[in-house]
PDB file of N, CA and C in Angstrom:
ATOM      1  N   MET A   1      -7.897  89.143 -12.411  1.00  0.00           N
ATOM      2  CA  MET A   1      -6.756  90.010 -12.595  1.00  0.00           C
ATOM      3  C   MET A   1      -6.790  91.096 -11.519  1.00  0.00           C
ATOM      4  N   THR A   2      -5.693  91.289 -10.879  1.00  0.00           N
ATOM      5  CA  THR A   2      -5.608  92.335  -9.856  1.00  0.00           C
ATOM      6  C   THR A   2      -4.802  93.506 -10.403  1.00  0.00           C
ATOM      7  N   SER A   3      -5.126  94.662  -9.901  1.00  0.00           N
ATOM      8  CA  SER A   3      -4.383  95.841 -10.338  1.00  0.00           C
ATOM      9  C   SER A   3      -3.127  95.986  -9.489  1.00  0.00           C
ATOM     10  N   PRO A   4      -2.121  96.650 -10.038  1.00  0.00           N
ATOM     11  CA  PRO A   4      -0.884  96.830  -9.276  1.00  0.00           C
ATOM     12  C   PRO A   4      -1.155  97.677  -8.028  1.00  0.00           C
ATOM     13  N   PRO A   5      -0.371  97.465  -7.000  1.00  0.00           N
ATOM     14  CA  PRO A   5      -0.596  98.252  -5.784  1.00  0.00           C
ATOM     15  C   PRO A   5      -0.318  99.734  -6.036  1.00  0.00           C
ATOM     16  N   ALA A   6      -1.097 100.556  -5.386  1.00  0.00           N
ATOM     17  CA  ALA A   6      -0.904 102.001  -5.527  1.00  0.00           C
ATOM     18  C   ALA A   6       0.348 102.419  -4.770  1.00  0.00           C
ATOM     19  N   ARG A   7       1.042 103.375  -5.312  1.00  0.00           N
ATOM     20  CA  ARG A   7       2.190 103.950  -4.623  1.00  0.00           C
ATOM     21  C   ARG A   7       1.955 105.436  -4.486  1.00  0.00           C
ATOM     22  N   GLN A   8       2.747 106.076  -3.682  1.00  0.00           N
ATOM     23  CA  GLN A   8       2.577 107.515  -3.487  1.00  0.00           C
ATOM     24  C   GLN A   8       3.333 108.297  -4.550  1.00  0.00           C
ATOM     25  N   TRP A   9       2.704 109.389  -4.961  1.00  0.00           N
ATOM     26  CA  TRP A   9       3.290 110.326  -5.917  1.00  0.00           C
ATOM     27  C   TRP A   9       3.085 111.735  -5.392  1.00  0.00           C
ATOM     28  N   TRP A  10       4.023 112.598  -5.661  1.00  0.00           N
ATOM     29  CA  TRP A  10       3.838 114.023  -5.425  1.00  0.00           C
ATOM     30  C   TRP A  10       3.443 114.636  -6.761  1.00  0.00           C
ATOM     31  N   VAL A  11       2.258 115.216  -6.808  1.00  0.00           N
ATOM     32  CA  VAL A  11       1.816 115.929  -7.998  1.00  0.00           C
ATOM     33  C   VAL A  11       2.096 117.401  -7.740  1.00  0.00           C
ATOM     34  N   ILE A  12       3.096 117.924  -8.424  1.00  0.00           N
ATOM     35  CA  ILE A  12       3.533 119.308  -8.264  1.00  0.00           C
ATOM     36  C   ILE A  12       2.711 120.165  -9.225  1.00  0.00           C
ATOM     37  N   TYR A  13       2.137 121.239  -8.689  1.00  0.00           N
ATOM     38  CA  TYR A  13       1.313 122.092  -9.537  1.00  0.00           C
ATOM     39  C   TYR A  13       1.499 123.555  -9.164  1.00  0.00           C
ATOM     40  N   GLN A  14       1.053 124.399 -10.082  1.00  0.00           N
ATOM     41  CA  GLN A  14       1.030 125.834  -9.838  1.00  0.00           C
ATOM     42  C   GLN A  14      -0.332 126.354 -10.260  1.00  0.00           C
ATOM     43  N   GLU A  15      -0.665 127.505  -9.757  1.00  0.00           N
ATOM     44  CA  GLU A  15      -1.931 128.147 -10.088  1.00  0.00           C
ATOM     45  C   GLU A  15      -1.626 129.485 -10.767  1.00  0.00           C
ATOM     46  N   PRO A  16      -1.487 129.494 -12.099  1.00  0.00           N
ATOM     47  CA  PRO A  16      -1.149 130.742 -12.787  1.00  0.00           C
ATOM     48  C   PRO A  16      -2.250 131.791 -12.668  1.00  0.00           C
ATOM     49  N   THR A  17      -3.482 131.354 -12.469  1.00  0.00           N
ATOM     50  CA  THR A  17      -4.606 132.252 -12.219  1.00  0.00           C
ATOM     51  C   THR A  17      -5.470 131.603 -11.134  1.00  0.00           C
ATOM     52  N   PRO A  18      -6.374 132.358 -10.535  1.00  0.00           N
ATOM     53  CA  PRO A  18      -7.252 131.765  -9.522  1.00  0.00           C
ATOM     54  C   PRO A  18      -8.188 130.685 -10.072  1.00  0.00           C
ATOM     55  N   ALA A  19      -8.307 130.617 -11.380  1.00  0.00           N
ATOM     56  CA  ALA A  19      -9.216 129.659 -11.999  1.00  0.00           C
ATOM     57  C   ALA A  19      -8.488 128.569 -12.783  1.00  0.00           C
ATOM     58  N   GLN A  20      -7.192 128.423 -12.567  1.00  0.00           N
ATOM     59  CA  GLN A  20      -6.421 127.468 -13.363  1.00  0.00           C
ATOM     60  C   GLN A  20      -5.373 126.771 -12.516  1.00  0.00           C
ATOM     61  N   MET A  21      -5.215 125.491 -12.780  1.00  0.00           N
ATOM     62  CA  MET A  21      -4.183 124.683 -12.135  1.00  0.00           C
ATOM     63  C   MET A  21      -3.414 123.964 -13.229  1.00  0.00           C
ATOM     64  N   ASP A  22      -2.100 124.077 -13.194  1.00  0.00           N
ATOM     65  CA  ASP A  22      -1.243 123.395 -14.169  1.00  0.00           C
ATOM     66  C   ASP A  22      -0.343 122.417 -13.434  1.00  0.00           C
ATOM     67  N   VAL A  23      -0.381 121.162 -13.833  1.00  0.00           N
ATOM     68  CA  VAL A  23       0.527 120.167 -13.266  1.00  0.00           C
ATOM     69  C   VAL A  23       1.901 120.408 -13.871  1.00  0.00           C
ATOM     70  N   VAL A  24       2.888 120.571 -13.014  1.00  0.00           N
ATOM     71  CA  VAL A  24       4.252 120.830 -13.432  1.00  0.00           C
ATOM     72  C   VAL A  24       5.037 119.528 -13.529  1.00  0.00           C
ATOM     73  N   ALA A  25       4.808 118.637 -12.568  1.00  0.00           N
ATOM     74  CA  ALA A  25       5.532 117.365 -12.533  1.00  0.00           C
ATOM     75  C   ALA A  25       4.789 116.391 -11.630  1.00  0.00           C
ATOM     76  N   VAL A  26       5.038 115.132 -11.865  1.00  0.00           N
ATOM     77  CA  VAL A  26       4.584 114.073 -10.969  1.00  0.00           C
ATOM     78  C   VAL A  26       5.820 113.257 -10.649  1.00  0.00           C
ATOM     79  N   GLU A  27       6.145 113.194  -9.368  1.00  0.00           N
ATOM     80  CA  GLU A  27       7.406 112.559  -8.977  1.00  0.00           C
ATOM     81  C   GLU A  27       7.223 111.712  -7.726  1.00  0.00           C
ATOM     82  N   ALA A  28       8.151 110.816  -7.520  1.00  0.00           N
ATOM     83  CA  ALA A  28       8.157 110.018  -6.295  1.00  0.00           C
ATOM     84  C   ALA A  28       8.462 110.937  -5.123  1.00  0.00           C
ATOM     85  N   PRO A  29       7.895 110.654  -3.957  1.00  0.00           N
ATOM     86  CA  PRO A  29       8.186 111.515  -2.807  1.00  0.00           C
ATOM     87  C   PRO A  29       9.646 111.404  -2.395  1.00  0.00           C
ATOM     88  N   PRO A  30      10.162 112.424  -1.709  1.00  0.00           N
ATOM     89  CA  PRO A  30      11.548 112.376  -1.233  1.00  0.00           C
ATOM     90  C   PRO A  30      11.782 111.177  -0.322  1.00  0.00           C
ATOM     91  N   GLU A  31      13.006 110.709  -0.320  1.00  0.00           N
ATOM     92  CA  GLU A  31      13.362 109.485   0.407  1.00  0.00           C
ATOM     93  C   GLU A  31      13.403 109.641   1.924  1.00  0.00           C
ATOM     94  N   ASP A  32      13.855 110.797   2.409  1.00  0.00           N
ATOM     95  CA  ASP A  32      14.030 110.953   3.855  1.00  0.00           C
ATOM     96  C   ASP A  32      13.551 112.330   4.299  1.00  0.00           C
ATOM     97  N   ASP A  33      13.579 112.566   5.609  1.00  0.00           N
ATOM     98  CA  ASP A  33      13.069 113.823   6.157  1.00  0.00           C
ATOM     99  C   ASP A  33      13.823 115.040   5.634  1.00  0.00           C
ATOM    100  N   ALA A  34      15.124 114.943   5.536  1.00  0.00           N
ATOM    101  CA  ALA A  34      15.915 116.086   5.059  1.00  0.00           C
ATOM    102  C   ALA A  34      15.565 116.418   3.606  1.00  0.00           C
ATOM    103  N   ALA A  35      15.449 115.401   2.776  1.00  0.00           N
ATOM    104  CA  ALA A  35      15.082 115.615   1.370  1.00  0.00           C
ATOM    105  C   ALA A  35      13.653 116.153   1.263  1.00  0.00           C
ATOM    106  N   HIS A  36      12.785 115.662   2.128  1.00  0.00           N
ATOM    107  CA  HIS A  36      11.396 116.132   2.161  1.00  0.00           C
ATOM    108  C   HIS A  36      11.355 117.626   2.486  1.00  0.00           C
ATOM    109  N   ASP A  37      12.059 118.017   3.532  1.00  0.00           N
ATOM    110  CA  ASP A  37      12.085 119.418   3.937  1.00  0.00           C
ATOM    111  C   ASP A  37      12.681 120.303   2.841  1.00  0.00           C
ATOM    112  N   LYS A  38      13.743 119.829   2.208  1.00  0.00           N
ATOM    113  CA  LYS A  38      14.381 120.594   1.139  1.00  0.00           C
ATOM    114  C   LYS A  38      13.421 120.778  -0.038  1.00  0.00           C
ATOM    115  N   ARG A  39      12.737 119.706  -0.430  1.00  0.00           N
ATOM    116  CA  ARG A  39      11.811 119.786  -1.572  1.00  0.00           C
ATOM    117  C   ARG A  39      10.637 120.703  -1.247  1.00  0.00           C
ATOM    118  N   CYS A  40      10.124 120.631  -0.029  1.00  0.00           N
ATOM    119  CA  CYS A  40       9.031 121.523   0.375  1.00  0.00           C
ATOM    120  C   CYS A  40       9.470 122.981   0.297  1.00  0.00           C
ATOM    121  N   ALA A  41      10.683 123.268   0.731  1.00  0.00           N
ATOM    122  CA  ALA A  41      11.214 124.634   0.676  1.00  0.00           C
ATOM    123  C   ALA A  41      11.352 125.098  -0.780  1.00  0.00           C
ATOM    124  N   GLU A  42      11.804 124.209  -1.655  1.00  0.00           N
ATOM    125  CA  GLU A  42      11.930 124.549  -3.076  1.00  0.00           C
ATOM    126  C   GLU A  42      10.565 124.873  -3.681  1.00  0.00           C
ATOM    127  N   LEU A  43       9.571 124.062  -3.346  1.00  0.00           N
ATOM    128  CA  LEU A  43       8.229 124.290  -3.879  1.00  0.00           C
ATOM    129  C   LEU A  43       7.680 125.624  -3.385  1.00  0.00           C
ATOM    130  N   GLU A  44       7.840 125.881  -2.099  1.00  0.00           N
ATOM    131  CA  GLU A  44       7.342 127.134  -1.532  1.00  0.00           C
ATOM    132  C   GLU A  44       8.032 128.334  -2.177  1.00  0.00           C
ATOM    133  N   ALA A  45       9.328 128.253  -2.358  1.00  0.00           N
ATOM    134  CA  ALA A  45      10.088 129.361  -2.956  1.00  0.00           C
ATOM    135  C   ALA A  45       9.661 129.626  -4.398  1.00  0.00           C
ATOM    136  N   SER A  46       9.242 128.591  -5.096  1.00  0.00           N
ATOM    137  CA  SER A  46       8.849 128.751  -6.500  1.00  0.00           C
ATOM    138  C   SER A  46       7.356 129.016  -6.676  1.00  0.00           C
ATOM    139  N   GLY A  47       6.619 129.084  -5.567  1.00  0.00           N
ATOM    140  CA  GLY A  47       5.180 129.334  -5.658  1.00  0.00           C
ATOM    141  C   GLY A  47       4.394 128.126  -6.127  1.00  0.00           C
ATOM    142  N   GLN A  48       4.969 126.963  -5.997  1.00  0.00           N
ATOM    143  CA  GLN A  48       4.295 125.734  -6.405  1.00  0.00           C
ATOM    144  C   GLN A  48       3.760 125.004  -5.179  1.00  0.00           C
ATOM    145  N   HIS A  49       2.872 124.062  -5.439  1.00  0.00           N
ATOM    146  CA  HIS A  49       2.243 123.279  -4.387  1.00  0.00           C
ATOM    147  C   HIS A  49       2.318 121.808  -4.785  1.00  0.00           C
ATOM    148  N   ALA A  50       1.952 120.934  -3.858  1.00  0.00           N
ATOM    149  CA  ALA A  50       1.959 119.503  -4.181  1.00  0.00           C
ATOM    150  C   ALA A  50       0.815 118.802  -3.473  1.00  0.00           C
ATOM    151  N   TYR A  51       0.223 117.880  -4.181  1.00  0.00           N
ATOM    152  CA  TYR A  51      -0.697 116.921  -3.589  1.00  0.00           C
ATOM    153  C   TYR A  51       0.066 115.615  -3.462  1.00  0.00           C
ATOM    154  N   VAL A  52      -0.137 114.906  -2.370  1.00  0.00           N
ATOM    155  CA  VAL A  52       0.406 113.562  -2.227  1.00  0.00           C
ATOM    156  C   VAL A  52      -0.736 112.618  -2.563  1.00  0.00           C
ATOM    157  N   ILE A  53      -0.564 111.860  -3.628  1.00  0.00           N
ATOM    158  CA  ILE A  53      -1.623 111.016  -4.167  1.00  0.00           C
ATOM    159  C   ILE A  53      -1.154 109.568  -4.206  1.00  0.00           C
ATOM    160  N   SER A  54      -2.025 108.662  -3.785  1.00  0.00           N
ATOM    161  CA  SER A  54      -1.766 107.229  -3.966  1.00  0.00           C
ATOM    162  C   SER A  54      -2.442 106.796  -5.262  1.00  0.00           C
ATOM    163  N   ALA A  55      -1.642 106.270  -6.176  1.00  0.00           N
ATOM    164  CA  ALA A  55      -2.155 105.866  -7.488  1.00  0.00           C
ATOM    165  C   ALA A  55      -1.199 104.853  -8.101  1.00  0.00           C
ATOM    166  N   PRO A  56      -1.685 104.060  -9.047  1.00  0.00           N
ATOM    167  CA  PRO A  56      -0.814 103.054  -9.657  1.00  0.00           C
ATOM    168  C   PRO A  56       0.275 103.633 -10.550  1.00  0.00           C
ATOM    169  N   ASP A  57       0.045 104.846 -11.123  1.00  0.00           N
ATOM    170  CA  ASP A  57       1.066 105.434 -11.982  1.00  0.00           C
ATOM    171  C   ASP A  57       0.946 106.959 -11.976  1.00  0.00           C
ATOM    172  N   GLN A  58       1.903 107.604 -12.608  1.00  0.00           N
ATOM    173  CA  GLN A  58       1.976 109.062 -12.608  1.00  0.00           C
ATOM    174  C   GLN A  58       0.783 109.709 -13.312  1.00  0.00           C
ATOM    175  N   GLU A  59       0.347 109.136 -14.400  1.00  0.00           N
ATOM    176  CA  GLU A  59      -0.766 109.723 -15.145  1.00  0.00           C
ATOM    177  C   GLU A  59      -2.043 109.740 -14.312  1.00  0.00           C
ATOM    178  N   VAL A  60      -2.328 108.619 -13.670  1.00  0.00           N
ATOM    179  CA  VAL A  60      -3.518 108.543 -12.818  1.00  0.00           C
ATOM    180  C   VAL A  60      -3.392 109.521 -11.649  1.00  0.00           C
ATOM    181  N   ALA A  61      -2.209 109.634 -11.068  1.00  0.00           N
ATOM    182  CA  ALA A  61      -1.996 110.572  -9.964  1.00  0.00           C
ATOM    183  C   ALA A  61      -2.287 112.003 -10.405  1.00  0.00           C
ATOM    184  N   GLY A  62      -1.816 112.380 -11.587  1.00  0.00           N
ATOM    185  CA  GLY A  62      -2.082 113.718 -12.105  1.00  0.00           C
ATOM    186  C   GLY A  62      -3.560 113.969 -12.328  1.00  0.00           C
ATOM    187  N   ASP A  63      -4.268 112.967 -12.853  1.00  0.00           N
ATOM    188  CA  ASP A  63      -5.710 113.094 -13.071  1.00  0.00           C
ATOM    189  C   ASP A  63      -6.453 113.267 -11.748  1.00  0.00           C
ATOM    190  N   ILE A  64      -6.069 112.475 -10.753  1.00  0.00           N
ATOM    191  CA  ILE A  64      -6.710 112.568  -9.437  1.00  0.00           C
ATOM    192  C   ILE A  64      -6.475 113.952  -8.836  1.00  0.00           C
ATOM    193  N   ALA A  65      -5.256 114.444  -8.933  1.00  0.00           N
ATOM    194  CA  ALA A  65      -4.939 115.767  -8.385  1.00  0.00           C
ATOM    195  C   ALA A  65      -5.774 116.855  -9.054  1.00  0.00           C
ATOM    196  N   GLY A  66      -5.954 116.758 -10.351  1.00  0.00           N
ATOM    197  CA  GLY A  66      -6.777 117.739 -11.062  1.00  0.00           C
ATOM    198  C   GLY A  66      -8.216 117.730 -10.578  1.00  0.00           C
ATOM    199  N   ARG A  67      -8.755 116.547 -10.356  1.00  0.00           N
ATOM    200  CA  ARG A  67     -10.129 116.450  -9.836  1.00  0.00           C
ATOM    201  C   ARG A  67     -10.229 117.005  -8.421  1.00  0.00           C
ATOM    202  N   ILE A  68      -9.230 116.704  -7.581  1.00  0.00           N
ATOM    203  CA  ILE A  68      -9.235 117.224  -6.210  1.00  0.00           C
ATOM    204  C   ILE A  68      -9.189 118.748  -6.220  1.00  0.00           C
ATOM    205  N   TRP A  69      -8.310 119.313  -7.046  1.00  0.00           N
ATOM    206  CA  TRP A  69      -8.186 120.766  -7.123  1.00  0.00           C
ATOM    207  C   TRP A  69      -9.516 121.385  -7.536  1.00  0.00           C
ATOM    208  N   ALA A  70     -10.150 120.820  -8.546  1.00  0.00           N
ATOM    209  CA  ALA A  70     -11.433 121.355  -9.023  1.00  0.00           C
ATOM    210  C   ALA A  70     -12.509 121.251  -7.947  1.00  0.00           C
ATOM    211  N   GLU A  71     -12.554 120.145  -7.245  1.00  0.00           N
ATOM    212  CA  GLU A  71     -13.537 119.983  -6.162  1.00  0.00           C
ATOM    213  C   GLU A  71     -13.297 120.999  -5.057  1.00  0.00           C
ATOM    214  N   GLU A  72     -12.020 121.221  -4.713  1.00  0.00           N
ATOM    215  CA  GLU A  72     -11.707 122.215  -3.683  1.00  0.00           C
ATOM    216  C   GLU A  72     -12.113 123.617  -4.133  1.00  0.00           C
ATOM    217  N   LEU A  73     -11.945 123.904  -5.406  1.00  0.00           N
ATOM    218  CA  LEU A  73     -12.315 125.215  -5.930  1.00  0.00           C
ATOM    219  C   LEU A  73     -13.816 125.453  -5.797  1.00  0.00           C
ATOM    220  N   VAL A  74     -14.616 124.503  -6.233  1.00  0.00           N
ATOM    221  CA  VAL A  74     -16.067 124.731  -6.248  1.00  0.00           C
ATOM    222  C   VAL A  74     -16.722 124.562  -4.885  1.00  0.00           C
ATOM    223  N   THR A  75     -16.051 123.919  -3.939  1.00  0.00           N
ATOM    224  CA  THR A  75     -16.652 123.749  -2.613  1.00  0.00           C
ATOM    225  C   THR A  75     -16.179 124.794  -1.612  1.00  0.00           C
ATOM    226  N   ASN A  76     -15.225 125.637  -1.996  1.00  0.00           N
ATOM    227  CA  ASN A  76     -14.737 126.687  -1.111  1.00  0.00           C
ATOM    228  C   ASN A  76     -15.287 128.022  -1.618  1.00  0.00           C
ATOM    229  N   PRO A  77     -16.273 128.582  -0.915  1.00  0.00           N
ATOM    230  CA  PRO A  77     -16.913 129.801  -1.411  1.00  0.00           C
ATOM    231  C   PRO A  77     -15.939 130.956  -1.666  1.00  0.00           C
ATOM    232  N   ALA A  78     -14.946 131.111  -0.815  1.00  0.00           N
ATOM    233  CA  ALA A  78     -13.995 132.218  -1.001  1.00  0.00           C
ATOM    234  C   ALA A  78     -13.167 132.012  -2.266  1.00  0.00           C
ATOM    235  N   ARG A  79     -12.654 130.809  -2.463  1.00  0.00           N
ATOM    236  CA  ARG A  79     -11.858 130.535  -3.677  1.00  0.00           C
ATOM    237  C   ARG A  79     -12.703 130.669  -4.933  1.00  0.00           C
ATOM    238  N   LEU A  80     -13.935 130.179  -4.855  1.00  0.00           N
ATOM    239  CA  LEU A  80     -14.821 130.254  -6.012  1.00  0.00           C
ATOM    240  C   LEU A  80     -15.140 131.703  -6.356  1.00  0.00           C
ATOM    241  N   ALA A  81     -15.362 132.535  -5.352  1.00  0.00           N
ATOM    242  CA  ALA A  81     -15.646 133.956  -5.598  1.00  0.00           C
ATOM    243  C   ALA A  81     -14.454 134.641  -6.272  1.00  0.00           C
ATOM    244  N   VAL A  82     -13.246 134.330  -5.814  1.00  0.00           N
ATOM    245  CA  VAL A  82     -12.043 134.916  -6.421  1.00  0.00           C
ATOM    246  C   VAL A  82     -11.912 134.460  -7.879  1.00  0.00           C
ATOM    247  N   ALA A  83     -12.135 133.173  -8.128  1.00  0.00           N
ATOM    248  CA  ALA A  83     -12.048 132.654  -9.495  1.00  0.00           C
ATOM    249  C   ALA A  83     -13.117 133.268 -10.388  1.00  0.00           C
ATOM    250  N   ASP A  84     -14.339 133.369  -9.872  1.00  0.00           N
ATOM    251  CA  ASP A  84     -15.415 133.985 -10.654  1.00  0.00           C
ATOM    252  C   ASP A  84     -15.102 135.434 -10.989  1.00  0.00           C
ATOM    253  N   ALA A  85     -14.595 136.178 -10.011  1.00  0.00           N
ATOM    254  CA  ALA A  85     -14.249 137.577 -10.244  1.00  0.00           C
ATOM    255  C   ALA A  85     -13.135 137.691 -11.283  1.00  0.00           C
ATOM    256  N   TYR A  86     -12.149 136.811 -11.193  1.00  0.00           N
ATOM    257  CA  TYR A  86     -11.053 136.809 -12.164  1.00  0.00           C
ATOM    258  C   TYR A  86     -11.592 136.554 -13.578  1.00  0.00           C
ATOM    259  N   LEU A  87     -12.448 135.531 -13.709  1.00  0.00           N
ATOM    260  CA  LEU A  87     -13.004 135.202 -15.026  1.00  0.00           C
ATOM    261  C   LEU A  87     -13.869 136.332 -15.562  1.00  0.00           C
ATOM    262  N   ALA A  88     -14.676 136.947 -14.713  1.00  0.00           N
ATOM    263  CA  ALA A  88     -15.526 138.057 -15.145  1.00  0.00           C
ATOM    264  C   ALA A  88     -14.673 139.235 -15.608  1.00  0.00           C
ATOM    265  N   ALA A  89     -13.634 139.557 -14.874  1.00  0.00           N
ATOM    266  CA  ALA A  89     -12.759 140.675 -15.254  1.00  0.00           C
ATOM    267  C   ALA A  89     -12.082 140.403 -16.588  1.00  0.00           C
ATOM    268  N   ASN A  90     -11.696 139.169 -16.827  1.00  0.00           N
ATOM    269  CA  ASN A  90     -11.023 138.838 -18.085  1.00  0.00           C
ATOM    270  C   ASN A  90     -11.999 138.799 -19.254  1.00  0.00           C
ATOM    271  N   ARG A  91     -13.242 138.478 -19.007  1.00  0.00           N
ATOM    272  CA  ARG A  91     -14.246 138.513 -20.071  1.00  0.00           C
ATOM    273  C   ARG A  91     -14.460 139.961 -20.531  1.00  0.00           C
ATOM    274  N   LEU A  92     -14.425 140.898 -19.584  1.00  0.00           N
ATOM    275  CA  LEU A  92     -14.632 142.300 -19.932  1.00  0.00           C
ATOM    276  C   LEU A  92     -13.478 142.846 -20.773  1.00  0.00           C
ATOM    277  N   ARG A  93     -12.275 142.340 -20.539  1.00  0.00           N
ATOM    278  CA  ARG A  93     -11.101 142.803 -21.284  1.00  0.00           C
ATOM    279  C   ARG A  93     -11.062 142.267 -22.707  1.00  0.00           C
ATOM    280  N   ASN A  94     -11.699 141.137 -22.930  1.00  0.00           N
ATOM    281  CA  ASN A  94     -11.621 140.516 -24.269  1.00  0.00           C
ATOM    282  C   ASN A  94     -12.704 140.975 -25.147  1.00  0.00           C
TER     283      ASN A  94
END
């Protein structure tokens, strides 16, 4: 049995805090350059980001994006320091 071929997905996400990533949507990429540019502008204006993921379906694409985001967080010392500081500050408030 073979698995279906992977297709590209845009996993749209936002970072409400330095230590959190929320997937907003998983969608097919725009069809042409003009649509691509328009969608990128919309994402930037709304403070959202996107990973382009090859996966067999939307759910798998979202899972992969979450793992990538977490790996980027823990392997980037500056991002990790900001997230740690955010979490420490919030622990003191609670």
